[in-house]
Amino acid sequence: MNMLVNIDVDDLERAERFYIAAFDLRIGRRFGSFGIEMLGSSAPIYLLVKAAGTAAVDTLPQLRDYQRHWTPVHLDFVVEDIEASVEQAVDAGARLEKPIVTQNWGKLAPMADPFGHGFCFVQFLGAGYDEIAD
């Protein structure tokens, strides 16, 4: 099974600049004014234009909101140097939401992009998650 990542944004040009600058992604394909395929991660990331205030789905009253929001699903970007990655993302417009935490499996930096989506940088140490696996 392959996986694609879709991220709703309200400003495609701004999102393109951010995801290139923050994560060193590159443009794969453009889909007119509808979206952009970003490459350079282990899965393609599609930035899709969806206006703020529009319905996310017809069966729920929730509307799209690009202020910081919470969802039980988020992206983790595994990096070699978490401090440098955090600095690069912050310079591009991300927000570090908590200081970097070091655990026995690795380091974690909770972040948010300029569109309110949460993500984390993860830097594995030692055996990574195997340090805590049963």
C-alpha atoms as a PDB file:
ATOM      1  CA  MET A   1       0.000   0.000   0.000  1.00  0.00           C
ATOM      2  CA  ASN A   2       1.226   3.488  -0.827  1.00  0.00           C
ATOM      3  CA  MET A   3       0.310   6.562   1.133  1.00  0.00           C
ATOM      4  CA  LEU A   4      -0.275  10.145   0.034  1.00  0.00           C
ATOM      5  CA  VAL A   5      -0.463  13.121   2.363  1.00  0.00           C
ATOM      6  CA  ASN A   6      -3.043  15.832   1.606  1.00  0.00           C
ATOM      7  CA  ILE A   7      -2.875  19.174   3.394  1.00  0.00           C
ATOM      8  CA  ASP A   8      -5.615  21.774   2.985  1.00  0.00           C
ATOM      9  CA  VAL A   9      -4.386  25.362   2.694  1.00  0.00           C
ATOM     10  CA  ASP A  10      -6.111  28.632   1.938  1.00  0.00           C
ATOM     11  CA  ASP A  11      -3.189  30.241   0.081  1.00  0.00           C
ATOM     12  CA  LEU A  12      -1.352  27.976  -2.368  1.00  0.00           C
ATOM     13  CA  GLU A  13       1.541  30.343  -3.127  1.00  0.00           C
ATOM     14  CA  ARG A  14       2.234  30.922   0.575  1.00  0.00           C
ATOM     15  CA  ALA A  15       2.002  27.177   1.272  1.00  0.00           C
ATOM     16  CA  GLU A  16       4.377  26.410  -1.585  1.00  0.00           C
ATOM     17  CA  ARG A  17       6.953  28.871  -0.234  1.00  0.00           C
ATOM     18  CA  PHE A  18       6.616  27.518   3.315  1.00  0.00           C
ATOM     19  CA  TYR A  19       6.876  23.806   2.488  1.00  0.00           C
ATOM     20  CA  ILE A  20       9.873  24.373   0.214  1.00  0.00           C
ATOM     21  CA  ALA A  21      11.680  26.569   2.748  1.00  0.00           C
ATOM     22  CA  ALA A  22      10.769  24.590   5.878  1.00  0.00           C
ATOM     23  CA  PHE A  23      11.272  21.036   4.613  1.00  0.00           C
ATOM     24  CA  ASP A  24      13.428  21.338   1.478  1.00  0.00           C
ATOM     25  CA  LEU A  25      10.608  19.849  -0.596  1.00  0.00           C
ATOM     26  CA  ARG A  26      10.392  20.428  -4.334  1.00  0.00           C
ATOM     27  CA  ILE A  27       7.477  20.748  -6.714  1.00  0.00           C
ATOM     28  CA  GLY A  28       6.543  17.576  -8.546  1.00  0.00           C
ATOM     29  CA  ARG A  29       3.441  18.603 -10.462  1.00  0.00           C
ATOM     30  CA  ARG A  30       1.035  21.515 -10.455  1.00  0.00           C
ATOM     31  CA  PHE A  31      -2.706  21.088 -10.737  1.00  0.00           C
ATOM     32  CA  GLY A  32      -3.674  24.552 -11.919  1.00  0.00           C
ATOM     33  CA  SER A  33      -4.875  26.732  -9.064  1.00  0.00           C
ATOM     34  CA  PHE A  34      -6.220  23.635  -7.257  1.00  0.00           C
ATOM     35  CA  GLY A  35      -3.031  22.143  -5.809  1.00  0.00           C
ATOM     36  CA  ILE A  36       0.633  21.229  -5.924  1.00  0.00           C
ATOM     37  CA  GLU A  37       2.431  17.930  -5.490  1.00  0.00           C
ATOM     38  CA  MET A  38       5.464  18.313  -3.227  1.00  0.00           C
ATOM     39  CA  LEU A  39       8.242  15.711  -3.409  1.00  0.00           C
ATOM     40  CA  GLY A  40      11.278  15.001  -1.275  1.00  0.00           C
ATOM     41  CA  SER A  41       9.651  13.158   1.625  1.00  0.00           C
ATOM     42  CA  SER A  42       8.973   9.425   1.923  1.00  0.00           C
ATOM     43  CA  ALA A  43       5.411  10.114   0.723  1.00  0.00           C
ATOM     44  CA  PRO A  44       4.223  12.772  -1.725  1.00  0.00           C
ATOM     45  CA  ILE A  45       2.566  15.748  -0.053  1.00  0.00           C
ATOM     46  CA  TYR A  46      -0.300  17.430  -1.868  1.00  0.00           C
ATOM     47  CA  LEU A  47      -1.132  21.016  -0.959  1.00  0.00           C
ATOM     48  CA  LEU A  48      -4.811  21.487  -1.816  1.00  0.00           C
ATOM     49  CA  VAL A  49      -6.610  24.830  -1.905  1.00  0.00           C
ATOM     50  CA  LYS A  50      -9.723  24.852   0.260  1.00  0.00           C
ATOM     51  CA  ALA A  51     -11.220  28.185   1.321  1.00  0.00           C
ATOM     52  CA  ALA A  52     -11.564  28.982   5.008  1.00  0.00           C
ATOM     53  CA  GLY A  53     -15.157  28.722   6.151  1.00  0.00           C
ATOM     54  CA  THR A  54     -16.084  25.951   3.718  1.00  0.00           C
ATOM     55  CA  ALA A  55     -17.468  22.641   4.946  1.00  0.00           C
ATOM     56  CA  ALA A  56     -14.885  19.939   5.487  1.00  0.00           C
ATOM     57  CA  VAL A  57     -17.565  17.271   4.984  1.00  0.00           C
ATOM     58  CA  ASP A  58     -21.314  17.488   4.437  1.00  0.00           C
ATOM     59  CA  THR A  59     -22.160  15.350   7.479  1.00  0.00           C
ATOM     60  CA  LEU A  60     -20.551  17.593  10.118  1.00  0.00           C
ATOM     61  CA  PRO A  61     -21.133  21.238  11.021  1.00  0.00           C
ATOM     62  CA  GLN A  62     -17.393  21.911  11.297  1.00  0.00           C
ATOM     63  CA  LEU A  63     -15.965  24.444   8.844  1.00  0.00           C
ATOM     64  CA  ARG A  64     -12.373  24.778   7.695  1.00  0.00           C
ATOM     65  CA  ASP A  65     -10.343  27.051   9.922  1.00  0.00           C
ATOM     66  CA  TYR A  66      -6.696  27.890   9.372  1.00  0.00           C
ATOM     67  CA  GLN A  67      -6.040  29.108  12.894  1.00  0.00           C
ATOM     68  CA  ARG A  68      -4.184  26.592  15.089  1.00  0.00           C
ATOM     69  CA  HIS A  69      -6.421  23.550  15.444  1.00  0.00           C
ATOM     70  CA  TRP A  70      -6.032  20.105  16.900  1.00  0.00           C
ATOM     71  CA  THR A  71      -6.594  16.763  15.235  1.00  0.00           C
ATOM     72  CA  PRO A  72      -5.626  13.286  16.394  1.00  0.00           C
ATOM     73  CA  VAL A  73      -3.681  12.823  13.143  1.00  0.00           C
ATOM     74  CA  HIS A  74      -0.537  14.804  12.413  1.00  0.00           C
ATOM     75  CA  LEU A  75       2.693  14.510  10.459  1.00  0.00           C
ATOM     76  CA  ASP A  76       6.053  13.543  11.941  1.00  0.00           C
ATOM     77  CA  PHE A  77       9.131  14.454   9.927  1.00  0.00           C
ATOM     78  CA  VAL A  78      12.130  12.298  10.862  1.00  0.00           C
ATOM     79  CA  VAL A  79      15.291  14.393  10.685  1.00  0.00           C
ATOM     80  CA  GLU A  80      19.000  13.966  11.382  1.00  0.00           C
ATOM     81  CA  ASP A  81      19.491  17.299  13.204  1.00  0.00           C
ATOM     82  CA  ILE A  82      16.386  18.425  15.055  1.00  0.00           C
ATOM     83  CA  GLU A  83      17.780  21.763  16.194  1.00  0.00           C
ATOM     84  CA  ALA A  84      18.728  22.777  12.633  1.00  0.00           C
ATOM     85  CA  SER A  85      15.363  21.534  11.301  1.00  0.00           C
ATOM     86  CA  VAL A  86      13.435  23.529  13.908  1.00  0.00           C
ATOM     87  CA  GLU A  87      15.445  26.652  13.105  1.00  0.00           C
ATOM     88  CA  GLN A  88      14.837  26.223   9.357  1.00  0.00           C
ATOM     89  CA  ALA A  89      11.079  25.689   9.834  1.00  0.00           C
ATOM     90  CA  VAL A  90      10.730  28.637  12.236  1.00  0.00           C
ATOM     91  CA  ASP A  91      12.605  30.861   9.787  1.00  0.00           C
ATOM     92  CA  ALA A  92      10.096  29.751   7.116  1.00  0.00           C
ATOM     93  CA  GLY A  93       7.092  30.647   9.317  1.00  0.00           C
ATOM     94  CA  ALA A  94       6.427  27.618  11.549  1.00  0.00           C
ATOM     95  CA  ARG A  95       5.959  27.893  15.290  1.00  0.00           C
ATOM     96  CA  LEU A  96       7.747  25.749  17.890  1.00  0.00           C
ATOM     97  CA  GLU A  97       4.953  24.984  20.359  1.00  0.00           C
ATOM     98  CA  LYS A  98       7.037  23.389  23.122  1.00  0.00           C
ATOM     99  CA  PRO A  99      10.781  23.157  23.657  1.00  0.00           C
ATOM    100  CA  ILE A 100      12.544  20.150  22.163  1.00  0.00           C
ATOM    101  CA  VAL A 101      12.225  17.176  24.525  1.00  0.00           C
ATOM    102  CA  THR A 102      14.815  14.404  24.707  1.00  0.00           C
ATOM    103  CA  GLN A 103      13.684  10.914  25.666  1.00  0.00           C
ATOM    104  CA  ASN A 104      15.570   7.617  25.626  1.00  0.00           C
ATOM    105  CA  TRP A 105      14.294   6.848  22.093  1.00  0.00           C
ATOM    106  CA  GLY A 106      15.003  10.304  20.619  1.00  0.00           C
ATOM    107  CA  LYS A 107      14.131  13.984  20.453  1.00  0.00           C
ATOM    108  CA  LEU A 108      10.726  15.508  19.701  1.00  0.00           C
ATOM    109  CA  ALA A 109       9.792  19.061  18.666  1.00  0.00           C
ATOM    110  CA  PRO A 110       6.027  19.848  18.524  1.00  0.00           C
ATOM    111  CA  MET A 111       5.410  22.451  15.815  1.00  0.00           C
ATOM    112  CA  ALA A 112       2.626  24.145  13.832  1.00  0.00           C
ATOM    113  CA  ASP A 113       2.689  25.334  10.233  1.00  0.00           C
ATOM    114  CA  PRO A 114       1.313  28.767   9.214  1.00  0.00           C
ATOM    115  CA  PHE A 115      -2.019  27.118   8.301  1.00  0.00           C
ATOM    116  CA  GLY A 116      -2.731  25.794  11.804  1.00  0.00           C
ATOM    117  CA  HIS A 117      -1.668  22.189  11.113  1.00  0.00           C
ATOM    118  CA  GLY A 118       0.341  20.464  13.829  1.00  0.00           C
ATOM    119  CA  PHE A 119       3.451  18.473  12.998  1.00  0.00           C
ATOM    120  CA  CYS A 120       6.506  17.236  14.844  1.00  0.00           C
ATOM    121  CA  PHE A 121      10.145  16.845  14.078  1.00  0.00           C
ATOM    122  CA  VAL A 122      11.562  13.559  15.377  1.00  0.00           C
ATOM    123  CA  GLN A 123      15.245  12.720  15.683  1.00  0.00           C
ATOM    124  CA  PHE A 124      15.840   9.112  16.660  1.00  0.00           C
ATOM    125  CA  LEU A 125      18.661   8.305  19.087  1.00  0.00           C
ATOM    126  CA  GLY A 126      20.196   4.910  19.803  1.00  0.00           C
ATOM    127  CA  ALA A 127      17.782   2.242  18.570  1.00  0.00           C
ATOM    128  CA  GLY A 128      14.931   4.749  18.122  1.00  0.00           C
ATOM    129  CA  TYR A 129      11.505   3.363  19.025  1.00  0.00           C
ATOM    130  CA  ASP A 130      13.124  -0.030  19.637  1.00  0.00           C
ATOM    131  CA  GLU A 131      14.430   1.514  22.875  1.00  0.00           C
ATOM    132  CA  ILE A 132      10.859   1.377  24.250  1.00  0.00           C
ATOM    133  CA  ALA A 133       9.356  -1.538  22.297  1.00  0.00           C
ATOM    134  CA  ASP A 134       8.307  -4.682  24.169  1.00  0.00           C
END
